[in-house]
Amino acid sequence: MDKKKLGILLIAIGIFILLNTLNLISDDIFLYLLSGGFLFAYFMLGARKHYGNIGFLIPGTVLLAIALFSDLEKIEFIDNLGGGVFFILLGLAFAGVLIHTNAFKKWDWPIYPAGALIIFGLFVIFIDNNDFIQNQEYLNYITPVVLIILGSYFLYQNKK
């Protein structure tokens, strides 16, 4: 990136931070503006023309997911679902990165964080909204033991 573009980007980020510090814009608007700044830089630098532009796309989509979650929390139904929605939105942010990586035939890596975050988000929603599971304290001990056994099994299978 040339110095002119870097200078413009730093000035824009500095203005956003200063406006937030002076309480001239709310935190939610700040996140949207910061996300928009990263996404704007991504598109201005050629978007999918260069693989390195992913450095602007990832923070842009992640900040957008955080801002959306912050706004969606104000809706009672979403707030009742708990933190699982946050992880699902982060997973969708990485799913959006697939559009970029697909152009370079390096499309597979965003599937892992996207899938893991979405599945974990659904798991959190299920656990938070299932009264039966919340009352079963023994699951606090069984779950980590099962995960350790499964992990050990996969490591053992990998050695073969």
C-alpha atoms as a PDB file:
ATOM      1  CA  MET A   1       0.000   0.000   0.000  1.00  0.00           C
ATOM      2  CA  ASP A   2       1.394   3.382  -0.884  1.00  0.00           C
ATOM      3  CA  LYS A   3       1.904   6.107   1.709  1.00  0.00           C
ATOM      4  CA  LYS A   4      -0.992   8.230   0.426  1.00  0.00           C
ATOM      5  CA  LYS A   5      -3.563   5.459   0.962  1.00  0.00           C
ATOM      6  CA  LEU A   6      -2.059   4.554   4.328  1.00  0.00           C
ATOM      7  CA  GLY A   7      -2.181   8.206   5.383  1.00  0.00           C
ATOM      8  CA  ILE A   8      -5.840   8.552   4.399  1.00  0.00           C
ATOM      9  CA  LEU A   9      -6.704   5.338   6.261  1.00  0.00           C
ATOM     10  CA  LEU A  10      -4.901   6.464   9.437  1.00  0.00           C
ATOM     11  CA  ILE A  11      -6.564   9.899   9.337  1.00  0.00           C
ATOM     12  CA  ALA A  12     -10.011   8.323   8.913  1.00  0.00           C
ATOM     13  CA  ILE A  13      -9.468   5.913  11.808  1.00  0.00           C
ATOM     14  CA  GLY A  14      -8.105   8.751  13.945  1.00  0.00           C
ATOM     15  CA  ILE A  15     -11.181  10.886  13.217  1.00  0.00           C
ATOM     16  CA  PHE A  16     -13.503   7.992  14.146  1.00  0.00           C
ATOM     17  CA  ILE A  17     -11.664   7.403  17.417  1.00  0.00           C
ATOM     18  CA  LEU A  18     -11.612  11.129  18.260  1.00  0.00           C
ATOM     19  CA  LEU A  19     -15.343  11.502  17.574  1.00  0.00           C
ATOM     20  CA  ASN A  20     -16.026   8.513  19.819  1.00  0.00           C
ATOM     21  CA  THR A  21     -13.751   9.811  22.565  1.00  0.00           C
ATOM     22  CA  LEU A  22     -15.546  13.173  22.493  1.00  0.00           C
ATOM     23  CA  ASN A  23     -18.882  11.303  22.716  1.00  0.00           C
ATOM     24  CA  LEU A  24     -20.028  12.815  19.426  1.00  0.00           C
ATOM     25  CA  ILE A  25     -20.950   9.388  18.081  1.00  0.00           C
ATOM     26  CA  SER A  26     -22.226   6.354  19.982  1.00  0.00           C
ATOM     27  CA  ASP A  27     -20.270   3.144  20.332  1.00  0.00           C
ATOM     28  CA  ASP A  28     -22.603   1.320  17.931  1.00  0.00           C
ATOM     29  CA  ILE A  29     -22.208   3.965  15.234  1.00  0.00           C
ATOM     30  CA  PHE A  30     -18.456   3.922  15.850  1.00  0.00           C
ATOM     31  CA  LEU A  31     -18.325   0.180  15.161  1.00  0.00           C
ATOM     32  CA  TYR A  32     -20.337   0.574  11.960  1.00  0.00           C
ATOM     33  CA  LEU A  33     -18.112   3.442  10.794  1.00  0.00           C
ATOM     34  CA  LEU A  34     -14.934   1.541  11.602  1.00  0.00           C
ATOM     35  CA  SER A  35     -16.268  -1.539   9.828  1.00  0.00           C
ATOM     36  CA  GLY A  36     -17.293   0.603   6.865  1.00  0.00           C
ATOM     37  CA  GLY A  37     -13.816   2.116   6.786  1.00  0.00           C
ATOM     38  CA  PHE A  38     -12.150  -1.279   6.547  1.00  0.00           C
ATOM     39  CA  LEU A  39     -14.633  -2.486   3.932  1.00  0.00           C
ATOM     40  CA  PHE A  40     -14.214   0.771   1.979  1.00  0.00           C
ATOM     41  CA  ALA A  41     -10.426   0.294   2.020  1.00  0.00           C
ATOM     42  CA  TYR A  42     -10.905  -3.314   0.893  1.00  0.00           C
ATOM     43  CA  PHE A  43     -12.960  -2.244  -2.121  1.00  0.00           C
ATOM     44  CA  MET A  44     -10.815   0.804  -2.941  1.00  0.00           C
ATOM     45  CA  LEU A  45      -7.665  -1.309  -3.022  1.00  0.00           C
ATOM     46  CA  GLY A  46      -9.169  -3.667  -5.562  1.00  0.00           C
ATOM     47  CA  ALA A  47     -11.155  -6.116  -3.435  1.00  0.00           C
ATOM     48  CA  ARG A  48     -10.611  -9.579  -4.960  1.00  0.00           C
ATOM     49  CA  LYS A  49      -7.820  -8.448  -7.298  1.00  0.00           C
ATOM     50  CA  HIS A  50      -5.173  -8.992  -4.602  1.00  0.00           C
ATOM     51  CA  TYR A  51      -5.184 -11.701  -1.968  1.00  0.00           C
ATOM     52  CA  GLY A  52      -3.524  -9.329   0.530  1.00  0.00           C
ATOM     53  CA  ASN A  53      -6.671  -7.201   0.670  1.00  0.00           C
ATOM     54  CA  ILE A  54      -8.115  -9.836   2.966  1.00  0.00           C
ATOM     55  CA  GLY A  55      -6.375  -7.905   5.743  1.00  0.00           C
ATOM     56  CA  PHE A  56      -9.080  -5.243   5.360  1.00  0.00           C
ATOM     57  CA  LEU A  57     -11.954  -7.629   4.702  1.00  0.00           C
ATOM     58  CA  ILE A  58     -11.616  -9.701   7.875  1.00  0.00           C
ATOM     59  CA  PRO A  59     -11.670  -6.820  10.386  1.00  0.00           C
ATOM     60  CA  GLY A  60     -14.425  -5.158   8.357  1.00  0.00           C
ATOM     61  CA  THR A  61     -16.713  -8.189   8.515  1.00  0.00           C
ATOM     62  CA  VAL A  62     -15.861  -9.019  12.138  1.00  0.00           C
ATOM     63  CA  LEU A  63     -16.535  -5.440  13.297  1.00  0.00           C
ATOM     64  CA  LEU A  64     -19.784  -5.471  11.338  1.00  0.00           C
ATOM     65  CA  ALA A  65     -20.811  -8.690  13.106  1.00  0.00           C
ATOM     66  CA  ILE A  66     -20.031  -7.144  16.494  1.00  0.00           C
ATOM     67  CA  ALA A  67     -21.994  -3.984  15.651  1.00  0.00           C
ATOM     68  CA  LEU A  68     -24.962  -6.033  14.440  1.00  0.00           C
ATOM     69  CA  PHE A  69     -24.924  -8.107  17.608  1.00  0.00           C
ATOM     70  CA  SER A  70     -24.834  -4.952  19.704  1.00  0.00           C
ATOM     71  CA  ASP A  71     -27.947  -3.677  17.916  1.00  0.00           C
ATOM     72  CA  LEU A  72     -29.728  -7.042  17.879  1.00  0.00           C
ATOM     73  CA  GLU A  73     -29.243  -7.393  21.637  1.00  0.00           C
ATOM     74  CA  LYS A  74     -31.763  -4.598  22.050  1.00  0.00           C
ATOM     75  CA  ILE A  75     -34.458  -6.901  20.644  1.00  0.00           C
ATOM     76  CA  GLU A  76     -35.854  -8.950  23.525  1.00  0.00           C
ATOM     77  CA  PHE A  77     -36.146 -12.210  21.551  1.00  0.00           C
ATOM     78  CA  ILE A  78     -32.510 -12.059  20.399  1.00  0.00           C
ATOM     79  CA  ASP A  79     -31.321 -11.060  23.874  1.00  0.00           C
ATOM     80  CA  ASN A  80     -33.075 -14.112  25.304  1.00  0.00           C
ATOM     81  CA  LEU A  81     -31.101 -16.377  22.956  1.00  0.00           C
ATOM     82  CA  GLY A  82     -27.907 -15.388  24.758  1.00  0.00           C
ATOM     83  CA  GLY A  83     -24.382 -15.187  23.468  1.00  0.00           C
ATOM     84  CA  GLY A  84     -24.901 -17.861  20.840  1.00  0.00           C
ATOM     85  CA  VAL A  85     -26.088 -15.230  18.374  1.00  0.00           C
ATOM     86  CA  PHE A  86     -22.748 -13.455  18.782  1.00  0.00           C
ATOM     87  CA  PHE A  87     -20.818 -16.552  17.734  1.00  0.00           C
ATOM     88  CA  ILE A  88     -23.163 -17.209  14.825  1.00  0.00           C
ATOM     89  CA  LEU A  89     -22.638 -13.658  13.544  1.00  0.00           C
ATOM     90  CA  LEU A  90     -18.856 -14.059  13.845  1.00  0.00           C
ATOM     91  CA  GLY A  91     -19.125 -17.321  11.926  1.00  0.00           C
ATOM     92  CA  LEU A  92     -21.108 -15.549   9.210  1.00  0.00           C
ATOM     93  CA  ALA A  93     -18.383 -12.893   9.062  1.00  0.00           C
ATOM     94  CA  PHE A  94     -15.852 -15.601   8.193  1.00  0.00           C
ATOM     95  CA  ALA A  95     -18.309 -17.161   5.780  1.00  0.00           C
ATOM     96  CA  GLY A  96     -18.298 -13.799   3.980  1.00  0.00           C
ATOM     97  CA  VAL A  97     -14.517 -14.099   3.646  1.00  0.00           C
ATOM     98  CA  LEU A  98     -15.127 -17.206   1.498  1.00  0.00           C
ATOM     99  CA  ILE A  99     -16.197 -14.905  -1.342  1.00  0.00           C
ATOM    100  CA  HIS A 100     -12.718 -13.379  -1.353  1.00  0.00           C
ATOM    101  CA  THR A 101     -10.679 -16.551  -0.882  1.00  0.00           C
ATOM    102  CA  ASN A 102     -12.655 -18.476  -3.499  1.00  0.00           C
ATOM    103  CA  ALA A 103     -11.199 -16.222  -6.216  1.00  0.00           C
ATOM    104  CA  PHE A 104      -7.683 -17.383  -5.302  1.00  0.00           C
ATOM    105  CA  LYS A 105      -8.450 -21.105  -4.933  1.00  0.00           C
ATOM    106  CA  LYS A 106      -7.510 -20.767  -1.251  1.00  0.00           C
ATOM    107  CA  TRP A 107     -11.144 -21.050  -0.291  1.00  0.00           C
ATOM    108  CA  ASP A 108     -11.022 -23.748   2.349  1.00  0.00           C
ATOM    109  CA  TRP A 109      -9.499 -22.088   5.423  1.00  0.00           C
ATOM    110  CA  PRO A 110     -12.429 -19.717   6.288  1.00  0.00           C
ATOM    111  CA  ILE A 111     -14.750 -22.723   6.411  1.00  0.00           C
ATOM    112  CA  TYR A 112     -13.118 -23.900   9.639  1.00  0.00           C
ATOM    113  CA  PRO A 113     -13.580 -20.777  11.782  1.00  0.00           C
ATOM    114  CA  ALA A 114     -16.979 -20.090  10.186  1.00  0.00           C
ATOM    115  CA  GLY A 115     -18.253 -23.606  10.813  1.00  0.00           C
ATOM    116  CA  ALA A 116     -16.790 -23.844  14.307  1.00  0.00           C
ATOM    117  CA  LEU A 117     -18.228 -20.488  15.380  1.00  0.00           C
ATOM    118  CA  ILE A 118     -21.671 -21.187  13.927  1.00  0.00           C
ATOM    119  CA  ILE A 119     -21.858 -24.674  15.483  1.00  0.00           C
ATOM    120  CA  PHE A 120     -20.619 -23.325  18.810  1.00  0.00           C
ATOM    121  CA  GLY A 121     -23.192 -20.518  18.647  1.00  0.00           C
ATOM    122  CA  LEU A 122     -25.989 -23.008  18.024  1.00  0.00           C
ATOM    123  CA  PHE A 123     -24.673 -25.142  20.890  1.00  0.00           C
ATOM    124  CA  VAL A 124     -24.672 -22.131  23.246  1.00  0.00           C
ATOM    125  CA  ILE A 125     -28.228 -21.218  22.223  1.00  0.00           C
ATOM    126  CA  PHE A 126     -29.327 -24.819  22.825  1.00  0.00           C
ATOM    127  CA  ILE A 127     -27.659 -24.995  26.252  1.00  0.00           C
ATOM    128  CA  ASP A 128     -28.911 -21.549  27.347  1.00  0.00           C
ATOM    129  CA  ASN A 129     -32.487 -22.354  26.416  1.00  0.00           C
ATOM    130  CA  ASN A 130     -32.689 -25.934  27.657  1.00  0.00           C
ATOM    131  CA  ASP A 131     -33.820 -26.027  31.293  1.00  0.00           C
ATOM    132  CA  PHE A 132     -33.226 -29.765  31.589  1.00  0.00           C
ATOM    133  CA  ILE A 133     -29.538 -29.475  30.672  1.00  0.00           C
ATOM    134  CA  GLN A 134     -29.000 -26.430  32.880  1.00  0.00           C
ATOM    135  CA  ASN A 135     -30.180 -28.433  35.910  1.00  0.00           C
ATOM    136  CA  GLN A 136     -27.759 -31.309  35.273  1.00  0.00           C
ATOM    137  CA  GLU A 137     -24.615 -30.283  37.158  1.00  0.00           C
ATOM    138  CA  TYR A 138     -22.855 -33.572  36.442  1.00  0.00           C
ATOM    139  CA  LEU A 139     -22.564 -32.434  32.795  1.00  0.00           C
ATOM    140  CA  ASN A 140     -19.942 -29.935  34.003  1.00  0.00           C
ATOM    141  CA  TYR A 141     -17.680 -32.928  34.616  1.00  0.00           C
ATOM    142  CA  ILE A 142     -18.764 -35.288  31.864  1.00  0.00           C
ATOM    143  CA  THR A 143     -18.462 -32.820  28.973  1.00  0.00           C
ATOM    144  CA  PRO A 144     -14.733 -32.016  29.426  1.00  0.00           C
ATOM    145  CA  VAL A 145     -13.916 -35.693  29.972  1.00  0.00           C
ATOM    146  CA  VAL A 146     -15.724 -36.647  26.744  1.00  0.00           C
ATOM    147  CA  LEU A 147     -13.857 -33.892  24.859  1.00  0.00           C
ATOM    148  CA  ILE A 148     -10.503 -35.091  26.231  1.00  0.00           C
ATOM    149  CA  ILE A 149     -11.281 -38.693  25.246  1.00  0.00           C
ATOM    150  CA  LEU A 150     -12.377 -37.655  21.738  1.00  0.00           C
ATOM    151  CA  GLY A 151      -9.269 -35.509  21.294  1.00  0.00           C
ATOM    152  CA  SER A 152      -7.024 -38.339  22.442  1.00  0.00           C
ATOM    153  CA  TYR A 153      -8.780 -40.722  20.071  1.00  0.00           C
ATOM    154  CA  PHE A 154      -8.228 -38.408  17.104  1.00  0.00           C
ATOM    155  CA  LEU A 155      -4.558 -37.951  18.019  1.00  0.00           C
ATOM    156  CA  TYR A 156      -4.137 -41.717  18.283  1.00  0.00           C
ATOM    157  CA  GLN A 157      -5.832 -42.215  14.889  1.00  0.00           C
ATOM    158  CA  ASN A 158      -3.592 -39.554  13.356  1.00  0.00           C
ATOM    159  CA  LYS A 159      -0.446 -41.471  14.382  1.00  0.00           C
ATOM    160  CA  LYS A 160      -1.640 -44.608  12.545  1.00  0.00           C
END
